[in-house]
Amino acid sequence: MKRPRRLVEVAVFAPLGAVATLAAAARRRSRGAPVAAPEPSRPEIVPQPRVVVASSVAVDELPVDGYDHLAASQVVDRLAALTADELELVAEYERAHRHRQSVLAKVAQLTGQLPG
């Protein structure tokens, strides 16, 4: 039976290994050797606040059914079938709510605001 033997190994030797590791760290510390290399300094990352844009567009006014339940990729797939006015509604709603860059970039591309 290997399972009981494995349980004995874990129950007995794992704590012994942990004690040995701690003892070695204490010996290094007492000799003045560094226990671990100092962590290099990293530049502080400051999150940028989202700019909330007021929107007069309600989700039920959007030309894409179930817009709020669609992933960005699903919205992008439907944008080519929309008119310029409908695309602007989608862009205004997206800027005011979800800020999905893939959707906004596709709208910009389709309306001629971006090359490509």
N, C-alpha and C. Protein backbone atom coordinates (compact mmCIF):
# COMPACT_ATOMS: atom_id res chain seq x y z
N MET A 1 0.83 -1.18 0.00
CA MET A 1 0.00 0.00 0.00
C MET A 1 0.88 1.24 0.00
N LYS A 2 0.83 1.96 -1.07
CA LYS A 2 1.68 3.13 -1.19
C LYS A 2 1.06 4.36 -0.53
N ARG A 3 -0.25 4.43 -0.48
CA ARG A 3 -0.90 5.63 0.05
C ARG A 3 -0.56 5.87 1.52
N PRO A 4 -0.67 4.89 2.42
CA PRO A 4 -0.31 5.15 3.82
C PRO A 4 1.17 5.54 3.95
N ARG A 5 2.03 4.91 3.15
CA ARG A 5 3.44 5.26 3.21
C ARG A 5 3.65 6.71 2.79
N ARG A 6 2.94 7.14 1.78
CA ARG A 6 3.04 8.53 1.31
C ARG A 6 2.55 9.48 2.40
N LEU A 7 1.48 9.13 3.07
CA LEU A 7 0.97 9.97 4.14
C LEU A 7 1.98 10.08 5.27
N VAL A 8 2.65 8.99 5.60
CA VAL A 8 3.67 9.01 6.64
C VAL A 8 4.83 9.91 6.20
N GLU A 9 5.23 9.78 4.93
CA GLU A 9 6.33 10.62 4.43
C GLU A 9 5.97 12.10 4.53
N VAL A 10 4.78 12.44 4.13
CA VAL A 10 4.36 13.84 4.19
C VAL A 10 4.25 14.31 5.63
N ALA A 11 3.66 13.48 6.48
CA ALA A 11 3.44 13.87 7.88
C ALA A 11 4.75 13.99 8.66
N VAL A 12 5.74 13.17 8.32
CA VAL A 12 6.98 13.16 9.09
C VAL A 12 8.04 14.05 8.44
N PHE A 13 8.27 13.84 7.16
CA PHE A 13 9.41 14.49 6.53
C PHE A 13 9.15 15.93 6.10
N ALA A 14 7.93 16.28 5.77
CA ALA A 14 7.65 17.67 5.38
C ALA A 14 7.94 18.64 6.53
N PRO A 15 7.47 18.36 7.75
CA PRO A 15 7.82 19.25 8.86
C PRO A 15 9.32 19.27 9.13
N LEU A 16 9.98 18.13 8.98
CA LEU A 16 11.43 18.09 9.20
C LEU A 16 12.14 18.95 8.15
N GLY A 17 11.68 18.90 6.92
CA GLY A 17 12.27 19.72 5.88
C GLY A 17 12.07 21.20 6.14
N ALA A 18 10.89 21.55 6.64
CA ALA A 18 10.61 22.95 6.96
C ALA A 18 11.51 23.42 8.09
N VAL A 19 11.69 22.60 9.10
CA VAL A 19 12.56 22.95 10.23
C VAL A 19 14.00 23.11 9.74
N ALA A 20 14.45 22.22 8.87
CA ALA A 20 15.82 22.31 8.35
C ALA A 20 16.01 23.58 7.53
N THR A 21 15.02 23.95 6.76
CA THR A 21 15.10 25.18 5.97
C THR A 21 15.17 26.40 6.86
N LEU A 22 14.34 26.45 7.89
CA LEU A 22 14.37 27.57 8.83
C LEU A 22 15.69 27.63 9.59
N ALA A 23 16.22 26.48 9.96
CA ALA A 23 17.49 26.45 10.68
C ALA A 23 18.62 26.95 9.79
N ALA A 24 18.62 26.57 8.53
CA ALA A 24 19.65 27.04 7.61
C ALA A 24 19.55 28.55 7.42
N ALA A 25 18.35 29.06 7.31
CA ALA A 25 18.17 30.52 7.17
C ALA A 25 18.67 31.23 8.42
N ALA A 26 18.40 30.68 9.60
CA ALA A 26 18.86 31.29 10.85
C ALA A 26 20.39 31.27 10.93
N ARG A 27 21.02 30.18 10.45
CA ARG A 27 22.49 30.12 10.46
C ARG A 27 23.07 31.17 9.52
N ARG A 28 22.48 31.32 8.34
CA ARG A 28 22.97 32.33 7.40
C ARG A 28 22.83 33.73 7.99
N ARG A 29 21.72 33.96 8.63
CA ARG A 29 21.47 35.27 9.23
C ARG A 29 22.48 35.55 10.34
N SER A 30 22.78 34.52 11.16
CA SER A 30 23.71 34.73 12.27
C SER A 30 25.13 34.96 11.77
N ARG A 31 25.46 34.45 10.59
CA ARG A 31 26.79 34.67 10.01
C ARG A 31 26.87 35.99 9.26
N GLY A 32 25.74 36.67 9.15
CA GLY A 32 25.73 37.96 8.45
C GLY A 32 25.51 37.84 6.96
N ALA A 33 25.31 36.66 6.46
CA ALA A 33 25.06 36.50 5.03
C ALA A 33 23.64 36.92 4.72
N PRO A 34 23.45 37.52 3.59
CA PRO A 34 22.08 37.93 3.25
C PRO A 34 21.19 36.70 3.04
N VAL A 35 20.00 36.77 3.56
CA VAL A 35 19.06 35.66 3.43
C VAL A 35 18.48 35.64 2.03
N ALA A 36 18.18 36.80 1.51
CA ALA A 36 17.63 36.89 0.16
C ALA A 36 18.13 38.18 -0.46
N ALA A 37 18.24 38.17 -1.76
CA ALA A 37 18.67 39.38 -2.46
C ALA A 37 17.60 40.45 -2.29
N PRO A 38 18.02 41.70 -2.15
CA PRO A 38 17.02 42.75 -2.01
C PRO A 38 16.22 42.89 -3.30
N GLU A 39 14.97 43.15 -3.14
CA GLU A 39 14.09 43.29 -4.29
C GLU A 39 14.40 44.61 -5.00
N PRO A 40 14.57 44.56 -6.32
CA PRO A 40 14.87 45.80 -7.04
C PRO A 40 13.69 46.77 -6.94
N SER A 41 14.03 48.04 -6.91
CA SER A 41 12.95 49.03 -6.81
C SER A 41 12.20 49.09 -8.13
N ARG A 42 10.94 49.26 -8.02
CA ARG A 42 10.08 49.33 -9.20
C ARG A 42 9.42 50.70 -9.22
N PRO A 43 9.19 51.21 -10.41
CA PRO A 43 8.47 52.49 -10.46
C PRO A 43 7.04 52.28 -9.97
N GLU A 44 6.55 53.27 -9.29
CA GLU A 44 5.19 53.18 -8.77
C GLU A 44 4.20 53.28 -9.92
N ILE A 45 3.25 52.36 -9.92
CA ILE A 45 2.22 52.38 -10.95
C ILE A 45 0.99 53.05 -10.36
N VAL A 46 0.63 54.16 -10.96
CA VAL A 46 -0.52 54.92 -10.48
C VAL A 46 -1.67 54.69 -11.45
N PRO A 47 -2.76 54.12 -10.98
CA PRO A 47 -3.89 53.89 -11.88
C PRO A 47 -4.48 55.21 -12.35
N GLN A 48 -4.79 55.25 -13.62
CA GLN A 48 -5.37 56.45 -14.19
C GLN A 48 -6.89 56.40 -14.00
N PRO A 49 -7.48 57.48 -13.55
CA PRO A 49 -8.93 57.47 -13.37
C PRO A 49 -9.63 57.44 -14.72
N ARG A 50 -10.75 56.76 -14.75
CA ARG A 50 -11.55 56.75 -15.97
C ARG A 50 -12.25 58.08 -16.11
N VAL A 51 -12.30 58.54 -17.33
CA VAL A 51 -13.05 59.75 -17.61
C VAL A 51 -14.47 59.32 -17.94
N VAL A 52 -15.40 59.78 -17.14
CA VAL A 52 -16.79 59.43 -17.36
C VAL A 52 -17.42 60.49 -18.24
N VAL A 53 -17.97 60.03 -19.33
CA VAL A 53 -18.61 60.93 -20.28
C VAL A 53 -20.11 60.79 -20.11
N ALA A 54 -20.77 61.92 -19.97
CA ALA A 54 -22.23 61.88 -19.86
C ALA A 54 -22.80 61.45 -21.20
N SER A 55 -23.75 60.57 -21.16
CA SER A 55 -24.35 60.07 -22.39
C SER A 55 -25.85 60.22 -22.32
N SER A 56 -26.40 60.70 -23.41
CA SER A 56 -27.86 60.79 -23.48
C SER A 56 -28.44 59.56 -24.17
N VAL A 57 -27.56 58.62 -24.54
CA VAL A 57 -28.00 57.42 -25.24
C VAL A 57 -28.33 56.34 -24.21
N ALA A 58 -29.54 55.82 -24.30
CA ALA A 58 -29.95 54.71 -23.44
C ALA A 58 -29.68 53.41 -24.18
N VAL A 59 -29.47 52.34 -23.43
CA VAL A 59 -29.14 51.06 -24.04
C VAL A 59 -30.24 50.58 -24.98
N ASP A 60 -31.49 50.91 -24.69
CA ASP A 60 -32.57 50.47 -25.58
C ASP A 60 -32.63 51.27 -26.87
N GLU A 61 -31.86 52.34 -26.98
CA GLU A 61 -31.80 53.12 -28.22
C GLU A 61 -30.72 52.61 -29.16
N LEU A 62 -29.88 51.70 -28.69
CA LEU A 62 -28.79 51.20 -29.51
C LEU A 62 -29.31 50.26 -30.59
N PRO A 63 -28.67 50.29 -31.77
CA PRO A 63 -29.13 49.46 -32.88
C PRO A 63 -28.70 48.00 -32.79
N VAL A 64 -28.04 47.61 -31.71
CA VAL A 64 -27.59 46.24 -31.53
C VAL A 64 -28.39 45.63 -30.38
N ASP A 65 -29.18 44.62 -30.68
CA ASP A 65 -30.00 43.98 -29.65
C ASP A 65 -29.12 43.32 -28.59
N GLY A 66 -29.51 43.49 -27.31
CA GLY A 66 -28.80 42.86 -26.21
C GLY A 66 -27.39 43.38 -26.02
N TYR A 67 -27.15 44.64 -26.38
CA TYR A 67 -25.80 45.22 -26.37
C TYR A 67 -25.07 44.98 -25.05
N ASP A 68 -25.72 45.23 -23.95
CA ASP A 68 -25.06 45.11 -22.65
C ASP A 68 -24.66 43.69 -22.29
N HIS A 69 -25.20 42.71 -22.99
CA HIS A 69 -24.89 41.32 -22.68
C HIS A 69 -23.88 40.72 -23.66
N LEU A 70 -23.38 41.54 -24.59
CA LEU A 70 -22.46 41.05 -25.61
C LEU A 70 -21.02 41.34 -25.22
N ALA A 71 -20.15 40.41 -25.56
CA ALA A 71 -18.71 40.63 -25.41
C ALA A 71 -18.26 41.62 -26.47
N ALA A 72 -17.13 42.25 -26.26
CA ALA A 72 -16.63 43.24 -27.21
C ALA A 72 -16.48 42.63 -28.60
N SER A 73 -15.99 41.41 -28.68
CA SER A 73 -15.81 40.77 -29.99
C SER A 73 -17.14 40.59 -30.71
N GLN A 74 -18.20 40.31 -29.96
CA GLN A 74 -19.52 40.15 -30.56
C GLN A 74 -20.05 41.49 -31.06
N VAL A 75 -19.79 42.56 -30.32
CA VAL A 75 -20.22 43.89 -30.77
C VAL A 75 -19.46 44.27 -32.03
N VAL A 76 -18.13 44.08 -32.02
CA VAL A 76 -17.30 44.44 -33.17
C VAL A 76 -17.79 43.72 -34.42
N ASP A 77 -18.18 42.46 -34.29
CA ASP A 77 -18.67 41.69 -35.44
C ASP A 77 -19.94 42.29 -36.04
N ARG A 78 -20.72 43.02 -35.26
CA ARG A 78 -21.99 43.56 -35.73
C ARG A 78 -21.88 45.00 -36.25
N LEU A 79 -20.77 45.67 -36.03
CA LEU A 79 -20.66 47.09 -36.33
C LEU A 79 -20.66 47.41 -37.82
N ALA A 80 -20.14 46.55 -38.66
CA ALA A 80 -20.05 46.83 -40.10
C ALA A 80 -21.41 47.01 -40.74
N ALA A 81 -22.45 46.46 -40.16
CA ALA A 81 -23.79 46.56 -40.73
C ALA A 81 -24.52 47.84 -40.33
N LEU A 82 -23.90 48.68 -39.51
CA LEU A 82 -24.57 49.88 -39.00
C LEU A 82 -24.27 51.10 -39.85
N THR A 83 -25.18 52.07 -39.79
CA THR A 83 -24.97 53.35 -40.47
C THR A 83 -24.03 54.22 -39.65
N ALA A 84 -23.59 55.33 -40.23
CA ALA A 84 -22.69 56.25 -39.51
C ALA A 84 -23.37 56.81 -38.27
N ASP A 85 -24.65 57.13 -38.35
CA ASP A 85 -25.37 57.65 -37.18
C ASP A 85 -25.48 56.60 -36.08
N GLU A 86 -25.75 55.35 -36.48
CA GLU A 86 -25.84 54.27 -35.50
C GLU A 86 -24.48 54.00 -34.85
N LEU A 87 -23.42 54.08 -35.65
CA LEU A 87 -22.07 53.89 -35.11
C LEU A 87 -21.75 54.98 -34.09
N GLU A 88 -22.18 56.20 -34.34
CA GLU A 88 -21.93 57.28 -33.39
C GLU A 88 -22.70 57.05 -32.09
N LEU A 89 -23.92 56.52 -32.16
CA LEU A 89 -24.67 56.17 -30.95
C LEU A 89 -23.92 55.12 -30.14
N VAL A 90 -23.42 54.10 -30.82
CA VAL A 90 -22.68 53.04 -30.15
C VAL A 90 -21.43 53.63 -29.49
N ALA A 91 -20.71 54.48 -30.22
CA ALA A 91 -19.48 55.06 -29.67
C ALA A 91 -19.77 55.93 -28.46
N GLU A 92 -20.81 56.73 -28.52
CA GLU A 92 -21.16 57.59 -27.39
C GLU A 92 -21.54 56.75 -26.17
N TYR A 93 -22.33 55.72 -26.39
CA TYR A 93 -22.73 54.85 -25.28
C TYR A 93 -21.50 54.13 -24.70
N GLU A 94 -20.64 53.64 -25.58
CA GLU A 94 -19.45 52.90 -25.13
C GLU A 94 -18.51 53.81 -24.33
N ARG A 95 -18.31 55.04 -24.78
CA ARG A 95 -17.44 55.97 -24.05
C ARG A 95 -18.01 56.31 -22.68
N ALA A 96 -19.31 56.31 -22.55
CA ALA A 96 -19.95 56.66 -21.29
C ALA A 96 -20.08 55.48 -20.33
N HIS A 97 -19.94 54.25 -20.84
CA HIS A 97 -20.19 53.10 -19.98
C HIS A 97 -19.02 52.13 -19.87
N ARG A 98 -18.72 51.40 -20.91
CA ARG A 98 -17.78 50.27 -20.79
C ARG A 98 -16.35 50.62 -21.19
N HIS A 99 -16.14 51.60 -22.03
CA HIS A 99 -14.80 52.04 -22.44
C HIS A 99 -14.00 50.94 -23.14
N ARG A 100 -14.66 50.07 -23.89
CA ARG A 100 -13.95 48.97 -24.55
C ARG A 100 -13.24 49.51 -25.79
N GLN A 101 -11.92 49.49 -25.73
CA GLN A 101 -11.11 50.09 -26.79
C GLN A 101 -11.29 49.38 -28.12
N SER A 102 -11.51 48.09 -28.12
CA SER A 102 -11.69 47.38 -29.38
C SER A 102 -12.95 47.85 -30.09
N VAL A 103 -14.00 48.11 -29.35
CA VAL A 103 -15.24 48.60 -29.95
C VAL A 103 -15.04 50.02 -30.46
N LEU A 104 -14.46 50.87 -29.65
CA LEU A 104 -14.25 52.27 -30.06
C LEU A 104 -13.30 52.36 -31.26
N ALA A 105 -12.29 51.53 -31.31
CA ALA A 105 -11.36 51.54 -32.44
C ALA A 105 -12.05 51.09 -33.72
N LYS A 106 -12.91 50.09 -33.64
CA LYS A 106 -13.62 49.61 -34.83
C LYS A 106 -14.60 50.66 -35.32
N VAL A 107 -15.28 51.35 -34.40
CA VAL A 107 -16.18 52.43 -34.81
C VAL A 107 -15.38 53.51 -35.52
N ALA A 108 -14.23 53.88 -34.96
CA ALA A 108 -13.40 54.91 -35.57
C ALA A 108 -12.93 54.48 -36.96
N GLN A 109 -12.58 53.22 -37.10
CA GLN A 109 -12.15 52.71 -38.39
C GLN A 109 -13.28 52.78 -39.41
N LEU A 110 -14.47 52.36 -39.01
CA LEU A 110 -15.61 52.33 -39.93
C LEU A 110 -16.11 53.72 -40.30
N THR A 111 -15.92 54.68 -39.42
CA THR A 111 -16.37 56.04 -39.70
C THR A 111 -15.29 56.87 -40.37
N GLY A 112 -14.14 56.25 -40.63
CA GLY A 112 -13.08 56.96 -41.33
C GLY A 112 -12.21 57.83 -40.43
N GLN A 113 -12.34 57.66 -39.12
CA GLN A 113 -11.54 58.44 -38.18
C GLN A 113 -10.17 57.83 -37.98
N LEU A 114 -9.99 56.58 -38.40
CA LEU A 114 -8.70 55.89 -38.30
C LEU A 114 -8.37 55.24 -39.64
N PRO A 115 -7.11 55.20 -40.01
CA PRO A 115 -6.77 54.49 -41.24
C PRO A 115 -6.92 52.99 -41.08
N GLY A 116 -7.25 52.32 -42.14
CA GLY A 116 -7.20 50.89 -42.08
C GLY A 116 -8.43 50.17 -42.21
